[in-house]
Amino acid sequence: MISSNRYLYLAFKAKVFDLIDFFSSSDLPPFVMPDNPKIKLILGEIYDTSARTPLGCARLIQLLMGQLVIEMIRHDLFLKDLETKAAYLKDAKLISIFKYIKENLGSDL
């Protein structure tokens, strides 16, 4: 029986302005990404392109890797945004402010 769980470990450097390594400078911990059709497509294109040897493959792979980095950053930013919102929901002072607004000003807003 073939397991449906497949994992791919990616590690690469993404330089910002050809000076700063984005991932190491931002102290991003390793993270697991859920099944993402767009990332699957990009990885498939990288694999297919690397199997060929025509002119321009290196440049195409570089562009595809750029797209992959963008998708990973979008995913990470989404998670951080979600964590930030969850932190706000745990703040007792903020919850009491929301309760006060609901009880006293709800219809006026």
N, C-alpha and C. Protein backbone atom coordinates (compact mmCIF):
# COMPACT_ATOMS: atom_id res chain seq x y z
N MET A 1 0.84 -1.18 0.00
CA MET A 1 0.00 0.00 0.00
C MET A 1 0.90 1.25 0.00
N ILE A 2 0.60 2.18 -0.86
CA ILE A 2 1.37 3.41 -0.97
C ILE A 2 0.76 4.46 -0.05
N SER A 3 1.61 5.06 0.74
CA SER A 3 1.15 6.10 1.66
C SER A 3 0.79 7.37 0.88
N SER A 4 -0.29 8.02 1.29
CA SER A 4 -0.67 9.27 0.63
C SER A 4 0.07 10.46 1.22
N ASN A 5 0.80 10.22 2.31
CA ASN A 5 1.58 11.31 2.91
C ASN A 5 2.91 11.43 2.20
N ARG A 6 3.12 12.56 1.60
CA ARG A 6 4.37 12.83 0.91
C ARG A 6 4.94 14.12 1.46
N TYR A 7 6.24 14.11 1.63
CA TYR A 7 6.90 15.28 2.18
C TYR A 7 8.05 15.69 1.28
N LEU A 8 8.25 16.95 1.19
CA LEU A 8 9.36 17.51 0.43
C LEU A 8 10.03 18.54 1.31
N TYR A 9 11.32 18.39 1.48
CA TYR A 9 12.09 19.32 2.30
C TYR A 9 12.80 20.27 1.37
N LEU A 10 12.52 21.55 1.51
CA LEU A 10 13.16 22.57 0.68
C LEU A 10 14.01 23.47 1.55
N ALA A 11 15.18 23.75 1.08
CA ALA A 11 16.05 24.72 1.75
C ALA A 11 16.77 25.48 0.64
N PHE A 12 16.62 26.78 0.65
CA PHE A 12 17.30 27.59 -0.36
C PHE A 12 17.49 29.00 0.17
N LYS A 13 18.31 29.73 -0.50
CA LYS A 13 18.57 31.11 -0.11
C LYS A 13 17.84 32.04 -1.06
N ALA A 14 17.23 33.05 -0.49
CA ALA A 14 16.57 34.08 -1.28
C ALA A 14 17.18 35.41 -0.87
N LYS A 15 17.92 36.00 -1.74
CA LYS A 15 18.60 37.26 -1.44
C LYS A 15 17.71 38.44 -1.78
N VAL A 16 17.66 39.40 -0.88
CA VAL A 16 16.93 40.64 -1.10
C VAL A 16 17.95 41.67 -1.57
N PHE A 17 17.70 42.23 -2.74
CA PHE A 17 18.62 43.18 -3.37
C PHE A 17 20.03 42.60 -3.52
N ASP A 18 20.11 41.29 -3.67
CA ASP A 18 21.39 40.58 -3.81
C ASP A 18 22.34 40.84 -2.65
N LEU A 19 21.80 41.18 -1.48
CA LEU A 19 22.63 41.48 -0.32
C LEU A 19 22.29 40.64 0.90
N ILE A 20 21.00 40.55 1.21
CA ILE A 20 20.57 39.96 2.48
C ILE A 20 19.82 38.66 2.20
N ASP A 21 20.20 37.60 2.91
CA ASP A 21 19.48 36.33 2.79
C ASP A 21 18.18 36.47 3.58
N PHE A 22 17.06 36.49 2.87
CA PHE A 22 15.76 36.78 3.47
C PHE A 22 15.41 35.81 4.58
N PHE A 23 15.52 34.51 4.31
CA PHE A 23 15.06 33.53 5.28
C PHE A 23 15.93 33.47 6.53
N SER A 24 17.24 33.53 6.39
CA SER A 24 18.09 33.46 7.58
C SER A 24 18.03 34.76 8.38
N SER A 25 17.87 35.90 7.73
CA SER A 25 17.84 37.17 8.45
C SER A 25 16.51 37.40 9.17
N SER A 26 15.45 36.76 8.72
CA SER A 26 14.15 36.96 9.36
C SER A 26 13.84 35.90 10.42
N ASP A 27 14.79 35.00 10.67
CA ASP A 27 14.65 33.98 11.71
C ASP A 27 13.35 33.19 11.59
N LEU A 28 12.99 32.83 10.39
CA LEU A 28 11.79 32.03 10.18
C LEU A 28 12.07 30.59 10.59
N PRO A 29 11.25 30.04 11.45
CA PRO A 29 11.45 28.63 11.81
C PRO A 29 10.95 27.75 10.67
N PRO A 30 11.38 26.50 10.62
CA PRO A 30 10.83 25.59 9.60
C PRO A 30 9.33 25.48 9.80
N PHE A 31 8.61 25.34 8.72
CA PHE A 31 7.16 25.20 8.83
C PHE A 31 6.65 24.20 7.81
N VAL A 32 5.52 23.61 8.12
CA VAL A 32 4.88 22.65 7.23
C VAL A 32 3.79 23.39 6.49
N MET A 33 3.80 23.24 5.19
CA MET A 33 2.76 23.88 4.38
C MET A 33 1.72 22.83 4.01
N PRO A 34 0.47 23.19 4.08
CA PRO A 34 -0.56 22.25 3.65
C PRO A 34 -0.51 22.06 2.14
N ASP A 35 -1.25 21.10 1.68
CA ASP A 35 -1.31 20.83 0.25
C ASP A 35 -1.73 22.11 -0.48
N ASN A 36 -0.88 22.56 -1.37
CA ASN A 36 -1.12 23.82 -2.07
C ASN A 36 -0.96 23.57 -3.57
N PRO A 37 -2.06 23.62 -4.33
CA PRO A 37 -1.99 23.32 -5.76
C PRO A 37 -1.04 24.24 -6.53
N LYS A 38 -0.96 25.50 -6.13
CA LYS A 38 -0.09 26.44 -6.85
C LYS A 38 1.38 26.07 -6.65
N ILE A 39 1.72 25.71 -5.42
CA ILE A 39 3.10 25.31 -5.14
C ILE A 39 3.42 24.00 -5.85
N LYS A 40 2.46 23.08 -5.88
CA LYS A 40 2.66 21.82 -6.61
C LYS A 40 2.95 22.10 -8.08
N LEU A 41 2.21 23.01 -8.66
CA LEU A 41 2.39 23.36 -10.06
C LEU A 41 3.78 23.95 -10.30
N ILE A 42 4.19 24.86 -9.44
CA ILE A 42 5.51 25.49 -9.58
C ILE A 42 6.61 24.44 -9.43
N LEU A 43 6.49 23.56 -8.42
CA LEU A 43 7.50 22.51 -8.24
C LEU A 43 7.56 21.57 -9.43
N GLY A 44 6.39 21.25 -10.00
CA GLY A 44 6.35 20.40 -11.19
C GLY A 44 7.05 21.07 -12.37
N GLU A 45 6.82 22.37 -12.53
CA GLU A 45 7.48 23.10 -13.61
C GLU A 45 8.99 23.16 -13.41
N ILE A 46 9.42 23.32 -12.16
CA ILE A 46 10.86 23.33 -11.87
C ILE A 46 11.46 21.96 -12.22
N TYR A 47 10.78 20.90 -11.82
CA TYR A 47 11.27 19.55 -12.11
C TYR A 47 11.33 19.31 -13.62
N ASP A 48 10.25 19.63 -14.32
CA ASP A 48 10.22 19.43 -15.78
C ASP A 48 11.30 20.25 -16.48
N THR A 49 11.49 21.47 -16.04
CA THR A 49 12.48 22.35 -16.67
C THR A 49 13.90 21.84 -16.40
N SER A 50 14.14 21.35 -15.19
CA SER A 50 15.48 20.86 -14.87
C SER A 50 15.81 19.58 -15.63
N ALA A 51 14.80 18.84 -16.07
CA ALA A 51 15.04 17.62 -16.84
C ALA A 51 15.43 17.92 -18.28
N ARG A 52 15.16 19.13 -18.73
CA ARG A 52 15.51 19.52 -20.10
C ARG A 52 16.85 20.24 -20.10
N THR A 53 17.43 20.37 -21.29
CA THR A 53 18.70 21.09 -21.38
C THR A 53 18.71 22.19 -22.44
N PRO A 54 17.57 22.72 -22.83
CA PRO A 54 17.64 23.79 -23.84
C PRO A 54 18.14 25.10 -23.24
N LEU A 55 18.43 25.99 -24.12
CA LEU A 55 18.86 27.31 -23.67
C LEU A 55 17.78 27.97 -22.83
N GLY A 56 18.19 28.68 -21.83
CA GLY A 56 17.24 29.43 -21.00
C GLY A 56 16.69 28.67 -19.82
N CYS A 57 17.04 27.39 -19.67
CA CYS A 57 16.50 26.62 -18.53
C CYS A 57 16.93 27.21 -17.19
N ALA A 58 18.18 27.62 -17.08
CA ALA A 58 18.67 28.17 -15.81
C ALA A 58 17.88 29.42 -15.43
N ARG A 59 17.64 30.26 -16.40
CA ARG A 59 16.88 31.50 -16.13
C ARG A 59 15.44 31.18 -15.76
N LEU A 60 14.84 30.22 -16.46
CA LEU A 60 13.46 29.83 -16.17
C LEU A 60 13.36 29.24 -14.76
N ILE A 61 14.32 28.41 -14.38
CA ILE A 61 14.31 27.84 -13.03
C ILE A 61 14.46 28.95 -12.00
N GLN A 62 15.30 29.92 -12.27
CA GLN A 62 15.46 31.06 -11.36
C GLN A 62 14.14 31.81 -11.18
N LEU A 63 13.43 32.03 -12.27
CA LEU A 63 12.13 32.72 -12.19
C LEU A 63 11.10 31.89 -11.42
N LEU A 64 11.08 30.58 -11.68
CA LEU A 64 10.15 29.70 -10.98
C LEU A 64 10.46 29.64 -9.48
N MET A 65 11.75 29.64 -9.14
CA MET A 65 12.13 29.65 -7.73
C MET A 65 11.66 30.96 -7.07
N GLY A 66 11.72 32.05 -7.81
CA GLY A 66 11.20 33.32 -7.30
C GLY A 66 9.72 33.23 -7.00
N GLN A 67 8.97 32.59 -7.90
CA GLN A 67 7.54 32.39 -7.66
C GLN A 67 7.31 31.52 -6.43
N LEU A 68 8.13 30.49 -6.28
CA LEU A 68 8.01 29.60 -5.13
C LEU A 68 8.25 30.36 -3.83
N VAL A 69 9.26 31.20 -3.81
CA VAL A 69 9.54 32.01 -2.62
C VAL A 69 8.36 32.92 -2.29
N ILE A 70 7.78 33.53 -3.31
CA ILE A 70 6.62 34.42 -3.10
C ILE A 70 5.46 33.64 -2.48
N GLU A 71 5.18 32.45 -2.99
CA GLU A 71 4.09 31.64 -2.43
C GLU A 71 4.37 31.25 -0.99
N MET A 72 5.63 30.93 -0.69
CA MET A 72 5.98 30.56 0.68
C MET A 72 5.85 31.76 1.62
N ILE A 73 6.25 32.93 1.17
CA ILE A 73 6.12 34.13 1.99
C ILE A 73 4.65 34.46 2.20
N ARG A 74 3.85 34.31 1.17
CA ARG A 74 2.40 34.55 1.33
C ARG A 74 1.81 33.63 2.38
N HIS A 75 2.21 32.37 2.35
CA HIS A 75 1.71 31.41 3.33
C HIS A 75 2.16 31.81 4.73
N ASP A 76 3.44 32.15 4.88
CA ASP A 76 3.97 32.53 6.18
C ASP A 76 3.31 33.80 6.71
N LEU A 77 3.10 34.79 5.84
CA LEU A 77 2.44 36.03 6.27
C LEU A 77 1.02 35.76 6.71
N PHE A 78 0.34 34.84 6.01
CA PHE A 78 -1.02 34.47 6.40
C PHE A 78 -1.02 33.86 7.80
N LEU A 79 -0.05 32.97 8.07
CA LEU A 79 0.02 32.35 9.39
C LEU A 79 0.32 33.37 10.47
N LYS A 80 1.25 34.29 10.19
CA LYS A 80 1.57 35.32 11.18
C LYS A 80 0.38 36.22 11.44
N ASP A 81 -0.37 36.55 10.38
CA ASP A 81 -1.56 37.38 10.53
C ASP A 81 -2.58 36.65 11.40
N LEU A 82 -2.73 35.36 11.15
CA LEU A 82 -3.66 34.55 11.93
C LEU A 82 -3.22 34.48 13.39
N GLU A 83 -1.92 34.31 13.64
CA GLU A 83 -1.41 34.27 15.01
C GLU A 83 -1.63 35.61 15.71
N THR A 84 -1.42 36.70 14.99
CA THR A 84 -1.63 38.03 15.57
C THR A 84 -3.08 38.22 15.96
N LYS A 85 -3.99 37.83 15.07
CA LYS A 85 -5.41 37.97 15.37
C LYS A 85 -5.81 37.09 16.55
N ALA A 86 -5.25 35.88 16.61
CA ALA A 86 -5.55 34.99 17.73
C ALA A 86 -5.03 35.58 19.04
N ALA A 87 -3.89 36.24 19.00
CA ALA A 87 -3.34 36.87 20.20
C ALA A 87 -4.26 37.98 20.69
N TYR A 88 -4.82 38.74 19.75
CA TYR A 88 -5.76 39.80 20.14
C TYR A 88 -6.98 39.22 20.83
N LEU A 89 -7.45 38.07 20.35
CA LEU A 89 -8.64 37.46 20.92
C LEU A 89 -8.39 36.94 22.33
N LYS A 90 -7.14 36.76 22.70
CA LYS A 90 -6.80 36.27 24.04
C LYS A 90 -6.57 37.41 25.02
N ASP A 91 -6.57 38.64 24.55
CA ASP A 91 -6.31 39.80 25.40
C ASP A 91 -7.58 40.15 26.19
N ALA A 92 -7.51 39.99 27.51
CA ALA A 92 -8.68 40.22 28.37
C ALA A 92 -9.17 41.66 28.31
N LYS A 93 -8.24 42.61 28.25
CA LYS A 93 -8.64 44.03 28.18
C LYS A 93 -9.41 44.32 26.90
N LEU A 94 -8.93 43.77 25.81
CA LEU A 94 -9.59 43.99 24.53
C LEU A 94 -10.98 43.36 24.52
N ILE A 95 -11.10 42.18 25.10
CA ILE A 95 -12.40 41.52 25.18
C ILE A 95 -13.37 42.34 26.03
N SER A 96 -12.88 42.90 27.13
CA SER A 96 -13.77 43.72 27.97
C SER A 96 -14.20 44.99 27.24
N ILE A 97 -13.32 45.56 26.43
CA ILE A 97 -13.69 46.73 25.62
C ILE A 97 -14.78 46.36 24.63
N PHE A 98 -14.62 45.21 23.96
CA PHE A 98 -15.64 44.75 23.01
C PHE A 98 -16.98 44.52 23.71
N LYS A 99 -16.94 43.92 24.91
CA LYS A 99 -18.17 43.69 25.67
C LYS A 99 -18.84 45.01 26.01
N TYR A 100 -18.04 45.97 26.46
CA TYR A 100 -18.58 47.29 26.81
C TYR A 100 -19.25 47.93 25.60
N ILE A 101 -18.56 47.89 24.46
CA ILE A 101 -19.12 48.48 23.24
C ILE A 101 -20.42 47.80 22.87
N LYS A 102 -20.43 46.48 22.94
CA LYS A 102 -21.63 45.73 22.57
C LYS A 102 -22.80 46.06 23.51
N GLU A 103 -22.51 46.11 24.79
CA GLU A 103 -23.56 46.35 25.77
C GLU A 103 -24.04 47.79 25.79
N ASN A 104 -23.17 48.74 25.54
CA ASN A 104 -23.52 50.15 25.71
C ASN A 104 -23.66 50.95 24.41
N LEU A 105 -22.94 50.55 23.39
CA LEU A 105 -22.95 51.35 22.16
C LEU A 105 -23.31 50.54 20.92
N GLY A 106 -23.64 49.29 21.10
CA GLY A 106 -23.84 48.39 19.97
C GLY A 106 -24.72 48.92 18.86
N SER A 107 -25.87 49.48 19.20
CA SER A 107 -26.78 49.95 18.16
C SER A 107 -26.37 51.29 17.58
N ASP A 108 -25.53 52.03 18.32
CA ASP A 108 -25.10 53.35 17.85
C ASP A 108 -23.94 53.28 16.86
N LEU A 109 -23.27 52.15 16.79
CA LEU A 109 -22.13 52.03 15.88
C LEU A 109 -22.65 51.67 14.55
